[in-house]
Amino acid sequence: MNDIPDMQDCIDACTNCHQACLQTALTHCLNMGGRHVAPDHFRLMMDCAAICETSANLQLSGSPFSARLCALCADICHACALSCLELDGMEECARACEACEHTCRAMAA
């Protein structure tokens, strides 16, 4: 078995990351305030949730654009994971972003 995830693994990782980013941003970050709701961080989390949802949707539809979108999704997930790791209580979100980045990079290759 090779290390390249199949499309279902990527869809699952994207769906999980979408959920983690959206839920964490709208619950944990809003409750914490301060740096957790700084515009650059909060916007990045919302962008990550949106791109992950769209990436999963394009893969599910068999879109010929899904590999290109996966490459962008991986870049955004990477940035989001780094941003989350700078703040308290964001480890679960960062792990979801890292997993999605990994599977998206493999799908984009």
C-alpha atoms as a PDB file:
ATOM      1  CA  MET A   1       0.000   0.000   0.000  1.00  0.00           C
ATOM      2  CA  ASN A   2       1.350   3.433  -0.865  1.00  0.00           C
ATOM      3  CA  ASP A   3       1.318   6.603   1.230  1.00  0.00           C
ATOM      4  CA  ILE A   4      -0.989   8.506  -1.140  1.00  0.00           C
ATOM      5  CA  PRO A   5      -4.432   8.794   0.409  1.00  0.00           C
ATOM      6  CA  ASP A   6      -7.425   7.957  -1.688  1.00  0.00           C
ATOM      7  CA  MET A   7     -10.009  10.564  -2.530  1.00  0.00           C
ATOM      8  CA  GLN A   8     -12.328   9.454   0.287  1.00  0.00           C
ATOM      9  CA  ASP A   9      -9.552  10.077   2.826  1.00  0.00           C
ATOM     10  CA  CYS A  10      -9.156  13.590   1.457  1.00  0.00           C
ATOM     11  CA  ILE A  11     -12.898  14.246   1.444  1.00  0.00           C
ATOM     12  CA  ASP A  12     -13.087  13.066   5.057  1.00  0.00           C
ATOM     13  CA  ALA A  13     -10.115  15.236   6.091  1.00  0.00           C
ATOM     14  CA  CYS A  14     -11.603  18.280   4.328  1.00  0.00           C
ATOM     15  CA  THR A  15     -14.994  17.725   5.948  1.00  0.00           C
ATOM     16  CA  ASN A  16     -13.405  17.301   9.370  1.00  0.00           C
ATOM     17  CA  CYS A  17     -11.289  20.429   8.927  1.00  0.00           C
ATOM     18  CA  HIS A  18     -14.298  22.445   7.750  1.00  0.00           C
ATOM     19  CA  GLN A  19     -16.184  21.417  10.865  1.00  0.00           C
ATOM     20  CA  ALA A  20     -13.233  21.973  13.220  1.00  0.00           C
ATOM     21  CA  CYS A  21     -12.414  25.446  11.897  1.00  0.00           C
ATOM     22  CA  LEU A  22     -15.992  26.669  11.777  1.00  0.00           C
ATOM     23  CA  GLN A  23     -16.962  25.293  15.170  1.00  0.00           C
ATOM     24  CA  THR A  24     -13.748  26.428  16.881  1.00  0.00           C
ATOM     25  CA  ALA A  25     -13.925  29.912  15.390  1.00  0.00           C
ATOM     26  CA  LEU A  26     -17.562  30.452  16.302  1.00  0.00           C
ATOM     27  CA  THR A  27     -17.376  28.953  19.793  1.00  0.00           C
ATOM     28  CA  HIS A  28     -13.893  28.853  21.302  1.00  0.00           C
ATOM     29  CA  CYS A  29     -12.425  31.906  19.559  1.00  0.00           C
ATOM     30  CA  LEU A  30     -15.441  34.141  20.079  1.00  0.00           C
ATOM     31  CA  ASN A  31     -15.603  33.117  23.745  1.00  0.00           C
ATOM     32  CA  MET A  32     -11.872  33.699  24.285  1.00  0.00           C
ATOM     33  CA  GLY A  33     -11.730  37.089  22.559  1.00  0.00           C
ATOM     34  CA  GLY A  34      -8.430  38.929  22.326  1.00  0.00           C
ATOM     35  CA  ARG A  35      -5.954  37.417  19.859  1.00  0.00           C
ATOM     36  CA  HIS A  36      -8.405  34.599  19.120  1.00  0.00           C
ATOM     37  CA  VAL A  37     -10.636  37.092  17.310  1.00  0.00           C
ATOM     38  CA  ALA A  38      -7.897  39.179  15.742  1.00  0.00           C
ATOM     39  CA  PRO A  39      -9.040  39.834  12.156  1.00  0.00           C
ATOM     40  CA  ASP A  40      -6.154  38.013  10.450  1.00  0.00           C
ATOM     41  CA  HIS A  41      -6.570  34.861  12.561  1.00  0.00           C
ATOM     42  CA  PHE A  42     -10.360  34.782  12.555  1.00  0.00           C
ATOM     43  CA  ARG A  43     -10.580  35.492   8.815  1.00  0.00           C
ATOM     44  CA  LEU A  44      -8.035  32.730   8.126  1.00  0.00           C
ATOM     45  CA  MET A  45     -10.105  30.240  10.123  1.00  0.00           C
ATOM     46  CA  MET A  46     -13.240  31.169   8.181  1.00  0.00           C
ATOM     47  CA  ASP A  47     -11.324  30.977   4.877  1.00  0.00           C
ATOM     48  CA  CYS A  48     -10.017  27.555   5.860  1.00  0.00           C
ATOM     49  CA  ALA A  49     -13.503  26.296   6.703  1.00  0.00           C
ATOM     50  CA  ALA A  50     -14.839  27.594   3.382  1.00  0.00           C
ATOM     51  CA  ILE A  51     -12.040  26.186   1.195  1.00  0.00           C
ATOM     52  CA  CYS A  52     -12.224  22.804   2.913  1.00  0.00           C
ATOM     53  CA  GLU A  53     -15.974  22.597   2.330  1.00  0.00           C
ATOM     54  CA  THR A  54     -15.529  23.586  -1.316  1.00  0.00           C
ATOM     55  CA  SER A  55     -12.658  21.144  -1.793  1.00  0.00           C
ATOM     56  CA  ALA A  56     -14.772  18.279  -0.461  1.00  0.00           C
ATOM     57  CA  ASN A  57     -17.678  19.328  -2.689  1.00  0.00           C
ATOM     58  CA  LEU A  58     -15.540  19.443  -5.843  1.00  0.00           C
ATOM     59  CA  GLN A  59     -14.049  16.039  -5.094  1.00  0.00           C
ATOM     60  CA  LEU A  60     -17.501  14.573  -4.450  1.00  0.00           C
ATOM     61  CA  SER A  61     -18.728  15.918  -7.787  1.00  0.00           C
ATOM     62  CA  GLY A  62     -15.725  14.603  -9.718  1.00  0.00           C
ATOM     63  CA  SER A  63     -14.765  18.096 -10.804  1.00  0.00           C
ATOM     64  CA  PRO A  64     -11.685  18.359 -13.038  1.00  0.00           C
ATOM     65  CA  PHE A  65     -10.699  21.389 -10.925  1.00  0.00           C
ATOM     66  CA  SER A  66     -10.504  19.503  -7.637  1.00  0.00           C
ATOM     67  CA  ALA A  67      -6.742  18.810  -7.788  1.00  0.00           C
ATOM     68  CA  ARG A  68      -5.981  22.501  -8.355  1.00  0.00           C
ATOM     69  CA  LEU A  69      -8.309  23.498  -5.540  1.00  0.00           C
ATOM     70  CA  CYS A  70      -6.699  20.874  -3.277  1.00  0.00           C
ATOM     71  CA  ALA A  71      -3.339  22.610  -3.752  1.00  0.00           C
ATOM     72  CA  LEU A  72      -4.788  25.930  -2.588  1.00  0.00           C
ATOM     73  CA  CYS A  73      -6.664  24.203   0.233  1.00  0.00           C
ATOM     74  CA  ALA A  74      -3.395  22.684   1.457  1.00  0.00           C
ATOM     75  CA  ASP A  75      -1.731  26.119   1.509  1.00  0.00           C
ATOM     76  CA  ILE A  76      -4.589  27.662   3.493  1.00  0.00           C
ATOM     77  CA  CYS A  77      -4.724  24.714   5.905  1.00  0.00           C
ATOM     78  CA  HIS A  78      -0.985  25.078   6.511  1.00  0.00           C
ATOM     79  CA  ALA A  79      -1.341  28.782   7.298  1.00  0.00           C
ATOM     80  CA  CYS A  80      -4.342  28.143   9.528  1.00  0.00           C
ATOM     81  CA  ALA A  81      -2.551  25.399  11.485  1.00  0.00           C
ATOM     82  CA  LEU A  82       0.400  27.718  12.130  1.00  0.00           C
ATOM     83  CA  SER A  83      -1.927  30.504  13.266  1.00  0.00           C
ATOM     84  CA  CYS A  84      -3.863  28.161  15.557  1.00  0.00           C
ATOM     85  CA  LEU A  85      -0.702  26.800  17.173  1.00  0.00           C
ATOM     86  CA  GLU A  86       0.149  30.330  18.350  1.00  0.00           C
ATOM     87  CA  LEU A  87      -2.988  30.441  20.531  1.00  0.00           C
ATOM     88  CA  ASP A  88      -4.229  28.535  23.566  1.00  0.00           C
ATOM     89  CA  GLY A  89      -6.756  25.747  23.154  1.00  0.00           C
ATOM     90  CA  MET A  90      -6.441  25.457  19.384  1.00  0.00           C
ATOM     91  CA  GLU A  91      -4.606  22.113  19.158  1.00  0.00           C
ATOM     92  CA  GLU A  92      -7.574  20.139  17.817  1.00  0.00           C
ATOM     93  CA  CYS A  93      -8.172  22.662  15.057  1.00  0.00           C
ATOM     94  CA  ALA A  94      -4.472  22.710  14.181  1.00  0.00           C
ATOM     95  CA  ARG A  95      -4.418  18.891  13.953  1.00  0.00           C
ATOM     96  CA  ALA A  96      -7.452  18.910  11.642  1.00  0.00           C
ATOM     97  CA  CYS A  97      -5.740  21.512   9.445  1.00  0.00           C
ATOM     98  CA  GLU A  98      -2.502  19.511   9.326  1.00  0.00           C
ATOM     99  CA  ALA A  99      -4.343  16.308   8.373  1.00  0.00           C
ATOM    100  CA  CYS A 100      -6.261  18.110   5.639  1.00  0.00           C
ATOM    101  CA  GLU A 101      -3.095  19.759   4.346  1.00  0.00           C
ATOM    102  CA  HIS A 102      -1.406  16.353   4.091  1.00  0.00           C
ATOM    103  CA  THR A 103      -4.232  14.674   2.157  1.00  0.00           C
ATOM    104  CA  CYS A 104      -4.823  17.699  -0.095  1.00  0.00           C
ATOM    105  CA  ARG A 105      -1.137  17.932  -1.023  1.00  0.00           C
ATOM    106  CA  ALA A 106      -1.210  14.255  -1.987  1.00  0.00           C
ATOM    107  CA  MET A 107      -4.359  14.735  -4.089  1.00  0.00           C
ATOM    108  CA  ALA A 108      -2.870  17.794  -5.801  1.00  0.00           C
ATOM    109  CA  ALA A 109       0.343  15.975  -6.723  1.00  0.00           C
END
